[in-house]
Amino acid sequence: MSYKNTFIQREASVTRELGEWIDEQEEKGKKSTSSPIPIPSATQSLSSASDKSSSASSSLSGKSPSGRNNNKEKKQSPSSSTNQMSAPVNTTTTNSTSVSLEIPKSDVPDLTQLQISNSTDSGIKKQQQQGQQQQQQGQKKGQQQQKGQQQQQGQKKGQQQQQGQKGSQQQNDKLTPSVSSPPIVEDSGDEHNKQQASTSHHHKKPNPITSSTSQFDDPKKREKLTKKKIINASPASKQIPLFAHLPQYELENSLGIVSADIHPEIISLGLKYANFTISGSNARAVALMTTLKQVIRDFHVPAQKEFSREFNQHLNPLIQFLVDCRPMSVSMSNSIIYFKQNCLTSLSEQRLTNEEAKAYLCDRVDAFIERVGVADKVIAQYGVSKITDGDVILTYASSHVVEMILRQAQQEGKKFRVIIVDSRPKHEGKELMFRLVQHKIKCTYILLNAISYIMKEVTKVFVGACTVLSNGNLISRAGTALVASMAQFYNVPFIVCCETYKFTEKAQLDSICSNDLGDPWDLVSNLSEKDSNEQNILKDWKSIEHLNLLNLMYDLTPIEFIALVITEFGMVPPTSIPVILREYRKEVTL
């Protein structure tokens, strides 16, 4: 009988032949006198069958079955159980689970070939195991070499970083004292993991986060900014160190324009910004876009030049002039972004003549101004719905949108009264009170220091906004945070009215990192009648060495103090500001 090379097939052929011989013995009815051979169930594992077949071949090679049994009695060890051989049993012929039979030597097939093949198989397995071990050792050596190389590279990088930082520290020490952290040398394992992560992400690197605010306390950055300036103004003589990074108010001395290619309307607008003749976010943005229309009409394109590209280059120094006069607000910056990205970009895709291009840009500017007016009307309608009869409305400083809400509520016949809170140095609440009284609205005028006394009577607080940040915080006139904190203390809802074009994706946690500095002379001049009649103590404040005047224009109101934000898209909580920025990006950021 021939045996195949497969080990499982050889074992199956042996068990099959044994089963056939057992069936023949059962038919003859012979009873064995030797030791019984129990036949286990057919569900045994093949691994146990292989071990038993090897022991069975050695035991069956004896002279007689009785001799095998005698050896079993002499040894009396557990290894004698290997004489048992698994074989399938036909349940139709017998009901017993095991059969006691004697296997004569003459009827057992020759298993020498099986033993030889088993030995050859074991040799092959050993060779395979040795080959696998060698491969694993080679891989380990390769990994160790790679780790060593990575460690050497990491050390070299760390040394280079240390040398570079030492050089930069020496240069910075000459200019300004600075504190720098030591370089962080990463582990080779961490570097390997980072390399794998970078390859798995197709070498995608996150975009670096850069701050758009300029640090005016850095000498290098200040030099770059002075080169860009259109106005030659002498630097401020006195600076407060905590706010030295902000653009200083430097327009108290004589001004000189470097470039003569500045439109007269832009010069007039910049001076109005500087002396606060035009104030307020909406007023500044609308005045900018209105002046821009006149600049478009007066612009002449050179021959064989593209209108959009040439006008964009002509517009940059005009914007720089306005920034030199007064730092740009969020409403102005969003208006310029709208004009450049939406108007000039769409104009470059069209083939229009110079006159047609001017008419097209003027129409887009008019559409923007109309959009601001429509947004104010929609906000006024939402705000009126929050006012009921008997309400006591408190507002701080002056806001155009809040004034529209109060006037419309008066026209609808609602009975309420208004408390106007004002503060130095601008006293903007006086003008608002004068306009509301003309519309026969009951008003009460107080200063900011009496806010804790009057807040007990208030039912709702309405304020305007300079901008609303992406984290829900509010930037508004200095003093708004104090009003919001008192409203929070007395459980009065603090409602903010703001157009979405004044939303920004910037985030800010305080009013120090970004703010506007007003004219310090306003703190000296706008005094009470009693102080104006007497001698002004602060008249010569610059000659006093240890005296500095700080006139902050805005402060930050935390999101926790804000109950509701009214926009042209609806009334939303401050936590929904990021949603509006994401869903209405084209309309908000323009």
Protein backbone atom coordinates (compact mmCIF):
# COMPACT_ATOMS: atom_id res chain seq x y z
CA MET A 1 0.00 0.00 0.00
CA SER A 2 1.44 3.40 -0.95
CA TYR A 3 1.47 6.38 1.44
CA LYS A 4 1.17 9.95 0.33
CA ASN A 5 3.49 12.69 1.43
CA THR A 6 0.80 14.57 3.41
CA PHE A 7 0.94 13.72 7.09
CA ILE A 8 -2.80 13.98 7.67
CA GLN A 9 -3.55 11.76 4.68
CA ARG A 10 -1.13 9.11 5.96
CA GLU A 11 -2.80 9.09 9.36
CA ALA A 12 -6.23 8.84 7.72
CA SER A 13 -5.15 5.83 5.63
CA VAL A 14 -3.79 4.02 8.73
CA THR A 15 -6.99 4.57 10.72
CA ARG A 16 -9.08 3.51 7.73
CA GLU A 17 -7.18 0.18 7.38
CA LEU A 18 -7.46 -0.48 11.11
CA GLY A 19 -11.19 0.16 10.94
CA GLU A 20 -11.55 -2.31 8.07
CA TRP A 21 -9.61 -5.00 9.98
CA ILE A 22 -11.75 -4.46 13.12
CA ASP A 23 -14.91 -4.86 11.05
CA GLU A 24 -13.60 -8.17 9.67
CA GLN A 25 -12.82 -9.46 13.16
CA GLU A 26 -16.28 -8.54 14.39
CA GLU A 27 -17.86 -10.46 11.54
CA LYS A 28 -15.79 -13.58 12.28
CA GLY A 29 -16.76 -13.33 15.96
CA LYS A 30 -13.28 -13.89 17.28
CA LYS A 31 -12.45 -12.86 20.78
CA SER A 32 -9.00 -11.64 21.65
CA THR A 33 -7.07 -12.91 24.69
CA SER A 34 -4.67 -9.94 24.79
CA SER A 35 -5.11 -6.54 26.41
CA PRO A 36 -8.15 -4.60 25.20
CA ILE A 37 -7.70 -1.68 22.86
CA PRO A 38 -10.34 1.01 23.53
CA ILE A 39 -11.47 2.89 20.46
CA PRO A 40 -12.15 6.53 21.36
CA SER A 41 -14.68 8.78 19.69
CA ALA A 42 -14.02 10.23 16.25
CA THR A 43 -14.04 13.82 17.58
CA GLN A 44 -10.49 13.66 18.95
CA SER A 45 -7.99 16.18 17.66
CA LEU A 46 -5.52 15.33 14.91
CA SER A 47 -2.61 16.33 17.11
CA SER A 48 -3.34 13.56 19.63
CA ALA A 49 -3.85 11.12 16.76
CA SER A 50 -0.37 11.87 15.40
CA ASP A 51 1.25 11.21 18.78
CA LYS A 52 -0.66 7.97 19.23
CA SER A 53 0.17 6.71 15.74
CA SER A 54 3.91 7.08 16.36
CA SER A 55 3.68 5.11 19.64
CA ALA A 56 1.42 2.52 18.05
CA SER A 57 3.92 1.86 15.28
CA SER A 58 6.66 1.14 17.82
CA SER A 59 4.45 -1.14 19.92
CA LEU A 60 3.01 -3.05 16.95
CA SER A 61 6.47 -3.96 15.69
CA GLY A 62 6.79 -6.52 18.60
CA LYS A 63 6.57 -10.31 18.21
CA SER A 64 3.12 -10.81 19.68
CA PRO A 65 0.28 -8.81 21.18
CA SER A 66 0.89 -10.51 24.53
CA GLY A 67 4.46 -9.27 24.56
CA ARG A 68 3.22 -5.72 24.09
CA ASN A 69 0.89 -6.20 27.02
CA ASN A 70 3.68 -7.54 29.21
CA ASN A 71 5.83 -4.53 28.47
CA LYS A 72 2.95 -2.33 29.48
CA GLU A 73 2.64 -4.09 32.84
CA LYS A 74 6.36 -3.82 33.52
CA LYS A 75 6.67 -0.14 32.75
CA GLN A 76 3.41 0.95 34.41
CA SER A 77 3.83 4.53 33.16
CA PRO A 78 1.40 7.02 31.62
CA SER A 79 3.24 6.73 28.33
CA SER A 80 1.62 3.31 27.82
CA SER A 81 -1.60 5.08 26.97
CA THR A 82 -0.04 5.92 23.61
CA ASN A 83 -0.78 2.33 22.52
CA GLN A 84 -4.38 3.35 22.01
CA MET A 85 -5.34 4.13 18.42
CA SER A 86 -8.26 6.26 17.32
CA ALA A 87 -10.56 4.68 14.73
CA PRO A 88 -14.04 5.45 13.45
CA VAL A 89 -16.80 3.08 14.58
CA ASN A 90 -19.86 2.27 12.50
CA THR A 91 -22.83 2.81 14.81
CA THR A 92 -25.09 0.65 12.64
CA THR A 93 -23.13 -2.51 13.37
CA THR A 94 -22.75 -2.13 17.14
CA ASN A 95 -24.13 0.07 19.92
CA SER A 96 -21.05 -0.04 22.16
CA THR A 97 -18.70 2.89 22.30
CA SER A 98 -15.51 0.70 22.60
CA VAL A 99 -14.46 -2.76 21.35
CA SER A 100 -11.80 -5.09 22.92
CA LEU A 101 -9.79 -6.74 20.16
CA GLU A 102 -6.39 -8.38 19.70
CA ILE A 103 -4.43 -7.20 16.70
CA PRO A 104 -2.19 -9.94 15.23
CA LYS A 105 1.10 -8.89 13.77
CA SER A 106 0.44 -10.46 10.39
CA ASP A 107 -2.66 -8.34 9.77
CA VAL A 108 -1.10 -4.96 10.76
CA PRO A 109 0.30 -2.94 7.88
CA ASP A 110 4.00 -2.09 7.79
CA LEU A 111 4.57 1.28 9.45
CA THR A 112 8.31 1.61 8.93
CA GLN A 113 7.72 3.89 5.99
CA LEU A 114 5.47 6.03 8.18
CA GLN A 115 8.18 6.31 10.85
CA ILE A 116 10.74 7.33 8.26
CA SER A 117 8.46 9.92 6.75
CA ASN A 118 7.67 11.29 10.22
CA SER A 119 11.35 11.72 10.93
CA THR A 120 11.89 13.51 7.63
CA ASP A 121 8.93 15.78 8.36
CA SER A 122 10.33 16.65 11.77
CA GLY A 123 13.70 17.48 10.17
CA ILE A 124 12.02 19.78 7.68
CA LYS A 125 10.12 21.45 10.48
CA LYS A 126 13.31 22.01 12.44
CA GLN A 127 14.96 23.56 9.41
CA GLN A 128 12.00 25.83 8.90
CA GLN A 129 12.05 26.88 12.54
CA GLN A 130 15.77 27.64 12.34
CA GLY A 131 15.20 29.71 9.20
CA GLN A 132 12.45 31.67 10.89
CA GLN A 133 14.64 32.29 13.93
CA GLN A 134 17.44 33.58 11.71
CA GLN A 135 15.04 35.90 9.90
CA GLN A 136 13.74 37.25 13.21
CA GLN A 137 17.27 37.84 14.44
CA GLY A 138 18.10 39.68 11.22
CA GLN A 139 15.02 41.86 11.55
CA LYS A 140 15.89 42.67 15.17
CA LYS A 141 19.43 43.66 14.16
CA GLY A 142 18.03 45.89 11.38
CA GLN A 143 15.64 47.57 13.78
CA GLN A 144 18.42 48.17 16.29
CA GLN A 145 20.57 49.71 13.56
CA GLN A 146 17.69 51.97 12.48
CA LYS A 147 17.09 53.06 16.08
CA GLY A 148 20.78 53.84 16.48
CA GLN A 149 20.77 55.93 13.32
CA GLN A 150 17.63 57.76 14.42
CA GLN A 151 19.14 58.51 17.82
CA GLN A 152 22.27 59.90 16.17
CA GLN A 153 20.14 62.05 13.85
CA GLY A 154 18.03 63.26 16.80
CA GLN A 155 21.15 64.19 18.74
CA LYS A 156 22.54 66.08 15.74
CA LYS A 157 19.26 67.96 15.31
CA GLY A 158 19.19 68.79 19.01
CA GLN A 159 22.73 70.15 18.84
CA GLN A 160 21.86 72.23 15.78
CA GLN A 161 18.76 73.59 17.52
CA GLN A 162 20.78 74.46 20.60
CA GLN A 163 23.36 76.27 18.49
CA GLY A 164 20.64 78.14 16.57
CA GLN A 165 18.85 79.13 19.75
CA LYS A 166 22.07 80.28 21.35
CA GLY A 167 22.75 82.49 18.34
CA SER A 168 19.22 83.91 18.39
CA GLN A 169 19.45 84.48 22.15
CA GLN A 170 22.66 86.44 21.71
CA GLN A 171 21.03 88.61 19.06
CA ASN A 172 17.87 89.14 21.12
CA ASP A 173 19.88 89.98 24.24
CA LYS A 174 21.43 92.86 22.37
CA LEU A 175 17.98 94.25 21.53
CA THR A 176 15.57 93.28 24.28
CA PRO A 177 15.78 90.79 27.16
CA SER A 178 13.84 87.65 26.39
CA VAL A 179 13.33 84.27 27.98
CA SER A 180 13.51 81.21 25.72
CA SER A 181 12.76 77.63 26.62
CA PRO A 182 15.46 74.95 26.08
CA PRO A 183 15.11 72.70 23.02
CA ILE A 184 13.19 69.49 23.47
CA VAL A 185 15.08 66.42 22.22
CA GLU A 186 12.60 63.72 21.37
CA ASP A 187 13.09 60.01 21.84
CA SER A 188 13.98 57.90 18.83
CA GLY A 189 10.87 55.83 19.42
CA ASP A 190 8.72 58.94 19.39
CA GLU A 191 10.40 60.10 16.20
CA HIS A 192 9.74 56.71 14.60
CA ASN A 193 6.07 56.86 15.61
CA LYS A 194 5.77 60.39 14.25
CA GLN A 195 7.34 59.29 10.96
CA GLN A 196 4.84 56.44 10.68
CA ALA A 197 1.95 58.77 11.50
CA SER A 198 3.09 61.26 8.89
CA THR A 199 3.36 58.58 6.21
CA SER A 200 -0.06 57.18 7.10
CA HIS A 201 -1.63 60.62 6.68
CA HIS A 202 -0.03 61.17 3.26
CA HIS A 203 2.37 63.77 4.70
CA LYS A 204 -0.43 66.22 5.55
CA LYS A 205 0.82 69.01 7.79
CA PRO A 206 -1.52 71.31 9.71
CA ASN A 207 -1.60 74.90 8.67
CA PRO A 208 0.44 77.10 11.02
CA ILE A 209 -1.54 79.50 13.16
CA THR A 210 -0.25 83.04 12.76
CA SER A 211 -1.51 86.09 14.58
CA SER A 212 -2.52 89.04 12.45
CA THR A 213 -1.94 91.61 15.21
CA SER A 214 1.33 93.53 15.03
CA GLN A 215 3.54 93.74 18.11
CA PHE A 216 4.62 97.37 18.34
CA ASP A 217 6.98 96.68 21.23
CA ASP A 218 9.21 94.55 18.99
CA PRO A 219 11.90 96.77 17.41
CA LYS A 220 12.20 94.68 14.24
CA LYS A 221 8.46 94.59 13.60
CA ARG A 222 8.16 98.26 14.40
CA GLU A 223 10.78 99.08 11.76
CA LYS A 224 8.84 97.12 9.16
CA LEU A 225 5.64 98.91 10.07
CA THR A 226 7.24 102.34 9.89
CA LYS A 227 8.45 101.59 6.37
CA LYS A 228 4.88 100.85 5.27
CA LYS A 229 3.43 103.99 6.85
CA ILE A 230 2.09 106.76 4.65
CA ILE A 231 1.97 109.33 7.48
CA ASN A 232 5.10 110.64 9.16
CA ALA A 233 4.15 111.12 12.80
CA SER A 234 6.44 111.51 15.76
CA PRO A 235 6.24 108.56 18.16
CA ALA A 236 4.39 108.88 21.43
CA SER A 237 6.55 110.38 24.13
CA LYS A 238 4.99 108.37 26.96
CA GLN A 239 4.01 104.74 26.80
CA ILE A 240 2.58 102.36 29.36
CA PRO A 241 4.69 99.16 29.35
CA LEU A 242 1.67 96.85 29.70
CA PHE A 243 0.13 98.32 26.52
CA ALA A 244 3.32 99.04 24.59
CA HIS A 245 2.47 96.28 22.08
CA LEU A 246 -0.63 98.19 20.90
CA PRO A 247 -0.55 100.94 18.24
CA GLN A 248 0.00 104.15 20.12
CA TYR A 249 -1.97 107.33 19.59
CA GLU A 250 0.63 109.39 17.69
CA LEU A 251 -1.56 112.02 15.99
CA GLU A 252 -1.19 114.70 18.64
CA ASN A 253 1.74 116.23 16.75
CA SER A 254 2.00 117.55 13.20
CA LEU A 255 1.40 115.05 10.40
CA GLY A 256 3.21 114.65 7.11
CA ILE A 257 2.08 112.55 4.14
CA VAL A 258 4.88 110.66 2.43
CA SER A 259 3.06 109.66 -0.74
CA ALA A 260 1.23 112.24 -2.84
CA ASP A 261 -0.90 109.64 -4.63
CA ILE A 262 -3.66 109.74 -2.00
CA HIS A 263 -7.16 110.69 -3.02
CA PRO A 264 -8.49 113.86 -1.32
CA GLU A 265 -11.61 112.06 -0.17
CA ILE A 266 -9.47 109.42 1.57
CA ILE A 267 -7.45 112.12 3.32
CA SER A 268 -10.62 113.79 4.55
CA LEU A 269 -12.02 110.46 5.74
CA GLY A 270 -8.81 109.55 7.57
CA LEU A 271 -8.78 112.85 9.46
CA LYS A 272 -12.40 112.33 10.49
CA TYR A 273 -11.45 108.91 11.80
CA ALA A 274 -8.52 110.38 13.72
CA ASN A 275 -10.48 113.09 15.57
CA PHE A 276 -13.50 110.75 16.12
CA THR A 277 -15.84 112.84 14.04
CA ILE A 278 -16.97 109.55 12.53
CA SER A 279 -17.28 106.89 15.24
CA GLY A 280 -19.18 103.67 15.52
CA SER A 281 -18.63 100.43 13.59
CA ASN A 282 -21.49 100.87 11.15
CA ALA A 283 -20.76 104.54 10.51
CA ARG A 284 -17.07 103.86 9.83
CA ALA A 285 -17.81 100.98 7.44
CA VAL A 286 -20.51 102.83 5.51
CA ALA A 287 -18.34 105.97 5.26
CA LEU A 288 -15.47 103.87 3.91
CA MET A 289 -17.58 102.20 1.22
CA THR A 290 -19.17 105.54 0.25
CA THR A 291 -15.76 107.17 -0.16
CA LEU A 292 -14.59 104.15 -2.13
CA LYS A 293 -17.25 104.82 -4.75
CA GLN A 294 -15.79 108.27 -5.39
CA VAL A 295 -12.31 106.78 -5.69
CA ILE A 296 -13.61 104.30 -8.29
CA ARG A 297 -15.16 107.06 -10.39
CA ASP A 298 -11.96 109.14 -10.38
CA PHE A 299 -9.61 106.26 -11.15
CA HIS A 300 -8.02 106.19 -14.61
CA VAL A 301 -6.58 102.96 -15.95
CA PRO A 302 -3.39 103.12 -18.03
CA ALA A 303 -3.58 101.89 -21.60
CA GLN A 304 -3.55 98.11 -22.12
CA LYS A 305 -3.83 97.42 -18.39
CA GLU A 306 -6.37 95.33 -16.53
CA PHE A 307 -8.75 97.42 -14.44
CA SER A 308 -9.12 95.06 -11.45
CA ARG A 309 -5.39 94.47 -11.03
CA GLU A 310 -4.42 98.12 -11.36
CA PHE A 311 -7.16 99.29 -9.01
CA ASN A 312 -6.13 96.72 -6.41
CA GLN A 313 -2.59 98.10 -6.43
CA HIS A 314 -3.95 101.65 -6.24
CA LEU A 315 -6.18 100.74 -3.28
CA ASN A 316 -3.45 99.36 -0.98
CA PRO A 317 -1.78 102.72 -0.09
CA LEU A 318 -5.20 104.27 0.50
CA ILE A 319 -6.05 101.61 3.05
CA GLN A 320 -2.65 102.03 4.69
CA PHE A 321 -3.33 105.75 5.08
CA LEU A 322 -6.61 105.05 6.89
CA VAL A 323 -4.85 102.53 9.16
CA ASP A 324 -2.22 105.14 10.02
CA CYS A 325 -4.94 107.59 11.00
CA ARG A 326 -6.72 105.10 13.25
CA PRO A 327 -6.52 101.31 13.63
CA MET A 328 -9.07 99.57 11.46
CA SER A 329 -12.19 98.08 13.01
CA VAL A 330 -13.57 94.61 12.23
CA SER A 331 -16.44 96.13 10.26
CA MET A 332 -13.99 98.05 8.04
CA SER A 333 -11.71 95.06 7.50
CA ASN A 334 -14.64 92.80 6.56
CA SER A 335 -15.88 95.48 4.16
CA ILE A 336 -12.51 95.63 2.42
CA ILE A 337 -12.33 91.82 2.26
CA TYR A 338 -15.77 91.79 0.66
CA PHE A 339 -14.72 94.38 -1.92
CA LYS A 340 -11.48 92.65 -2.86
CA GLN A 341 -12.63 89.02 -2.85
CA ASN A 342 -16.15 89.39 -4.19
CA CYS A 343 -16.06 92.52 -6.31
CA LEU A 344 -12.56 92.68 -7.80
CA THR A 345 -12.27 88.90 -8.20
CA SER A 346 -15.57 88.61 -10.04
CA LEU A 347 -14.63 91.64 -12.16
CA SER A 348 -11.41 89.98 -13.34
CA GLU A 349 -13.46 87.05 -14.69
CA GLN A 350 -15.58 89.36 -16.87
CA ARG A 351 -14.56 91.22 -20.00
CA LEU A 352 -15.84 94.73 -19.42
CA THR A 353 -14.75 98.16 -20.51
CA ASN A 354 -13.44 100.66 -17.99
CA GLU A 355 -16.74 102.48 -17.70
CA GLU A 356 -18.68 99.23 -17.35
CA ALA A 357 -16.23 98.03 -14.69
CA LYS A 358 -16.68 101.24 -12.70
CA ALA A 359 -20.47 100.95 -12.88
CA TYR A 360 -20.28 97.29 -11.84
CA LEU A 361 -18.11 98.06 -8.77
CA CYS A 362 -20.31 100.96 -7.71
CA ASP A 363 -23.39 98.74 -7.89
CA ARG A 364 -21.72 96.11 -5.69
CA VAL A 365 -20.73 98.76 -3.15
CA ASP A 366 -24.31 100.08 -3.06
CA ALA A 367 -25.55 96.52 -2.51
CA PHE A 368 -23.24 96.18 0.51
CA ILE A 369 -24.42 99.46 2.03
CA GLU A 370 -28.04 98.43 1.46
CA ARG A 371 -27.33 95.07 3.12
CA VAL A 372 -26.13 96.84 6.28
CA GLY A 373 -29.29 98.94 6.38
CA VAL A 374 -31.57 95.94 5.87
CA ALA A 375 -29.76 94.04 8.64
CA ASP A 376 -30.41 96.90 11.06
CA LYS A 377 -34.12 96.93 10.22
CA VAL A 378 -34.43 93.17 10.76
CA ILE A 379 -32.58 93.38 14.08
CA ALA A 380 -34.91 96.20 15.14
CA GLN A 381 -37.95 94.02 14.47
CA TYR A 382 -36.51 91.19 16.56
CA GLY A 383 -35.58 93.58 19.35
CA VAL A 384 -39.04 95.15 19.53
CA SER A 385 -40.55 91.69 20.05
CA LYS A 386 -38.58 91.43 23.30
CA ILE A 387 -40.01 94.66 24.75
CA THR A 388 -43.29 94.49 26.67
CA ASP A 389 -45.40 97.10 28.44
CA GLY A 390 -43.91 98.26 31.73
CA ASP A 391 -40.31 97.34 30.85
CA VAL A 392 -37.38 99.40 32.06
CA ILE A 393 -34.72 99.24 29.32
CA LEU A 394 -31.12 100.09 30.14
CA THR A 395 -28.53 100.88 27.49
CA TYR A 396 -24.92 101.99 27.69
CA ALA A 397 -23.23 104.69 25.61
CA SER A 398 -24.74 105.05 22.13
CA SER A 399 -25.69 102.40 19.58
CA HIS A 400 -27.47 103.05 16.30
CA VAL A 401 -29.25 99.66 16.30
CA VAL A 402 -30.46 100.04 19.90
CA GLU A 403 -31.79 103.51 19.03
CA MET A 404 -33.77 102.02 16.12
CA ILE A 405 -35.27 99.38 18.44
CA LEU A 406 -36.40 101.96 21.00
CA ARG A 407 -37.86 104.30 18.38
CA GLN A 408 -39.78 101.51 16.66
CA ALA A 409 -41.15 100.25 19.99
CA GLN A 410 -42.37 103.79 20.74
CA GLN A 411 -44.07 103.95 17.33
CA GLU A 412 -45.89 100.68 18.03
CA GLY A 413 -47.38 102.19 21.19
CA LYS A 414 -45.49 100.15 23.79
CA LYS A 415 -45.18 101.72 27.22
CA PHE A 416 -41.66 101.61 28.62
CA ARG A 417 -38.90 103.89 29.84
CA VAL A 418 -35.19 104.00 29.12
CA ILE A 419 -32.19 104.42 31.42
CA ILE A 420 -29.09 105.72 29.62
CA VAL A 421 -25.76 105.01 31.31
CA ASP A 422 -22.85 107.19 30.22
CA SER A 423 -19.18 107.62 31.07
CA ARG A 424 -16.16 109.78 30.34
CA PRO A 425 -14.42 110.84 28.20
CA LYS A 426 -16.74 110.74 25.14
CA HIS A 427 -20.13 111.13 26.87
CA GLU A 428 -21.84 109.46 23.91
CA GLY A 429 -24.98 108.84 25.95
CA LYS A 430 -25.85 112.56 25.94
CA GLU A 431 -26.43 112.60 22.19
CA LEU A 432 -28.53 109.43 22.38
CA MET A 433 -30.65 110.92 25.18
CA PHE A 434 -31.23 114.08 23.16
CA ARG A 435 -32.46 112.12 20.12
CA LEU A 436 -34.73 109.83 22.16
CA VAL A 437 -36.35 112.71 24.01
CA GLN A 438 -37.27 114.28 20.69
CA HIS A 439 -39.28 111.10 19.93
CA LYS A 440 -41.11 111.50 23.28
CA ILE A 441 -39.45 108.53 24.97
CA LYS A 442 -39.13 108.71 28.77
CA CYS A 443 -35.41 108.69 29.62
CA THR A 444 -33.21 108.71 32.72
CA TYR A 445 -29.56 109.72 32.45
CA ILE A 446 -26.94 108.46 34.93
CA LEU A 447 -23.20 107.87 34.99
CA LEU A 448 -21.47 104.52 35.13
CA ASN A 449 -20.57 104.81 38.83
CA ALA A 450 -24.31 104.58 39.75
CA ILE A 451 -24.96 101.37 37.82
CA SER A 452 -25.27 99.20 40.95
CA TYR A 453 -27.98 101.47 42.34
CA ILE A 454 -30.12 101.71 39.19
CA MET A 455 -29.84 98.06 38.11
CA LYS A 456 -32.47 97.03 40.68
CA GLU A 457 -35.16 98.73 38.56
CA VAL A 458 -34.05 97.34 35.19
CA THR A 459 -35.85 94.50 33.41
CA LYS A 460 -33.73 94.21 30.23
CA VAL A 461 -30.37 95.51 28.99
CA PHE A 462 -29.78 96.30 25.29
CA VAL A 463 -26.28 97.17 24.04
CA GLY A 464 -24.54 97.42 20.69
CA ALA A 465 -21.29 95.77 19.65
CA CYS A 466 -18.02 96.62 18.01
CA THR A 467 -17.50 92.96 17.16
CA VAL A 468 -18.46 89.49 18.40
CA LEU A 469 -15.63 86.97 18.56
CA SER A 470 -15.80 83.34 17.52
CA ASN A 471 -15.69 82.17 21.15
CA GLY A 472 -18.82 84.20 21.95
CA ASN A 473 -17.10 87.08 23.77
CA LEU A 474 -18.14 90.65 23.05
CA ILE A 475 -15.91 93.62 22.20
CA SER A 476 -17.69 96.89 22.85
CA ARG A 477 -17.22 100.36 24.34
CA ALA A 478 -15.14 100.41 27.55
CA GLY A 479 -17.52 99.98 30.49
CA THR A 480 -19.81 97.43 28.85
CA ALA A 481 -18.27 94.57 30.85
CA LEU A 482 -19.14 96.35 34.10
CA VAL A 483 -22.76 96.78 33.00
CA ALA A 484 -22.93 93.10 32.01
CA SER A 485 -21.51 91.92 35.33
CA MET A 486 -24.06 93.96 37.29
CA ALA A 487 -26.87 92.62 35.09
CA GLN A 488 -25.64 89.08 35.80
CA PHE A 489 -25.62 89.79 39.52
CA TYR A 490 -29.24 91.03 39.51
CA ASN A 491 -30.44 88.32 37.04
CA VAL A 492 -31.27 90.85 34.32
CA PRO A 493 -31.02 89.55 30.73
CA PHE A 494 -28.12 91.13 28.84
CA ILE A 495 -29.01 91.34 25.11
CA VAL A 496 -26.46 92.19 22.38
CA CYS A 497 -27.54 93.62 19.02
CA CYS A 498 -24.97 93.00 16.29
CA GLU A 499 -24.92 92.52 12.51
CA THR A 500 -23.27 89.35 11.24
CA TYR A 501 -20.80 91.22 9.04
CA LYS A 502 -19.17 92.36 12.30
CA PHE A 503 -18.52 88.78 13.41
CA THR A 504 -14.92 87.62 13.31
CA GLU A 505 -13.16 84.28 13.54
CA LYS A 506 -10.63 85.66 16.00
CA ALA A 507 -10.72 84.58 19.63
CA GLN A 508 -9.78 86.78 22.57
CA LEU A 509 -9.91 86.29 26.33
CA ASP A 510 -9.08 89.77 27.58
CA SER A 511 -8.94 93.38 26.45
CA ILE A 512 -5.16 93.71 26.76
CA CYS A 513 -3.86 91.64 23.85
CA SER A 514 -5.86 93.66 21.29
CA ASN A 515 -7.43 97.05 21.82
CA ASP A 516 -7.44 100.68 20.62
CA LEU A 517 -5.80 103.54 22.48
CA GLY A 518 -7.58 106.87 22.33
CA ASP A 519 -6.22 110.35 22.71
CA PRO A 520 -4.87 110.78 26.27
CA TRP A 521 -5.71 114.49 26.16
CA ASP A 522 -9.42 113.54 26.24
CA LEU A 523 -8.94 112.53 29.87
CA VAL A 524 -7.61 116.00 30.62
CA SER A 525 -10.01 118.17 28.62
CA ASN A 526 -13.41 116.54 29.18
CA LEU A 527 -13.81 117.40 32.82
CA SER A 528 -16.75 118.59 34.87
CA GLU A 529 -17.79 122.25 35.10
CA LYS A 530 -16.25 122.59 38.54
CA ASP A 531 -12.86 121.35 37.37
CA SER A 532 -12.98 123.45 34.20
CA ASN A 533 -13.45 126.67 36.18
CA GLU A 534 -10.58 125.90 38.50
CA GLN A 535 -6.96 125.29 37.61
CA ASN A 536 -6.49 122.02 35.74
CA ILE A 537 -4.08 119.80 37.63
CA LEU A 538 -3.43 117.55 34.63
CA LYS A 539 -2.64 120.40 32.28
CA ASP A 540 1.11 119.64 32.30
CA TRP A 541 0.81 115.87 32.75
CA LYS A 542 3.62 115.17 30.28
CA SER A 543 6.12 117.02 32.41
CA ILE A 544 5.37 114.72 35.38
CA GLU A 545 7.83 111.86 35.14
CA HIS A 546 5.88 109.13 36.91
CA LEU A 547 2.46 109.92 35.42
CA ASN A 548 0.95 108.23 32.37
CA LEU A 549 -2.58 108.54 31.00
CA LEU A 550 -4.35 105.50 29.54
CA ASN A 551 -7.47 105.88 27.40
CA LEU A 552 -8.69 102.41 26.41
CA MET A 553 -11.48 102.47 23.85
CA TYR A 554 -12.95 98.96 24.24
CA ASP A 555 -13.27 96.14 26.74
CA LEU A 556 -14.22 92.46 26.57
CA THR A 557 -17.46 91.03 27.95
CA PRO A 558 -17.28 87.28 28.67
CA ILE A 559 -19.75 84.90 27.08
CA GLU A 560 -21.11 83.95 30.53
CA PHE A 561 -22.68 87.40 30.92
CA ILE A 562 -24.48 87.39 27.55
CA ALA A 563 -28.02 86.00 27.45
CA LEU A 564 -28.90 86.58 23.78
CA VAL A 565 -27.42 87.90 20.53
CA ILE A 566 -29.87 89.44 18.04
CA THR A 567 -28.72 89.23 14.40
CA GLU A 568 -30.43 89.51 11.01
CA PHE A 569 -30.47 85.69 10.94
CA GLY A 570 -32.45 85.52 14.18
CA MET A 571 -32.02 85.55 17.94
CA VAL A 572 -29.33 83.08 18.94
CA PRO A 573 -27.35 82.29 22.08
CA PRO A 574 -23.69 83.39 22.07
CA THR A 575 -22.59 79.75 21.79
CA SER A 576 -24.07 79.67 18.27
CA ILE A 577 -21.69 82.32 16.89
CA PRO A 578 -19.29 79.67 15.47
CA VAL A 579 -22.24 78.00 13.73
CA ILE A 580 -23.18 81.25 11.99
CA LEU A 581 -19.56 81.83 10.99
CA ARG A 582 -19.42 78.33 9.48
CA GLU A 583 -22.83 78.11 7.80
CA TYR A 584 -23.05 81.70 6.57
CA ARG A 585 -19.37 82.26 5.87
CA LYS A 586 -19.94 83.98 2.54
CA GLU A 587 -22.50 86.34 4.01
CA VAL A 588 -20.70 86.95 7.32
CA THR A 589 -17.05 87.28 6.34
CA LEU A 590 -18.08 88.61 2.93
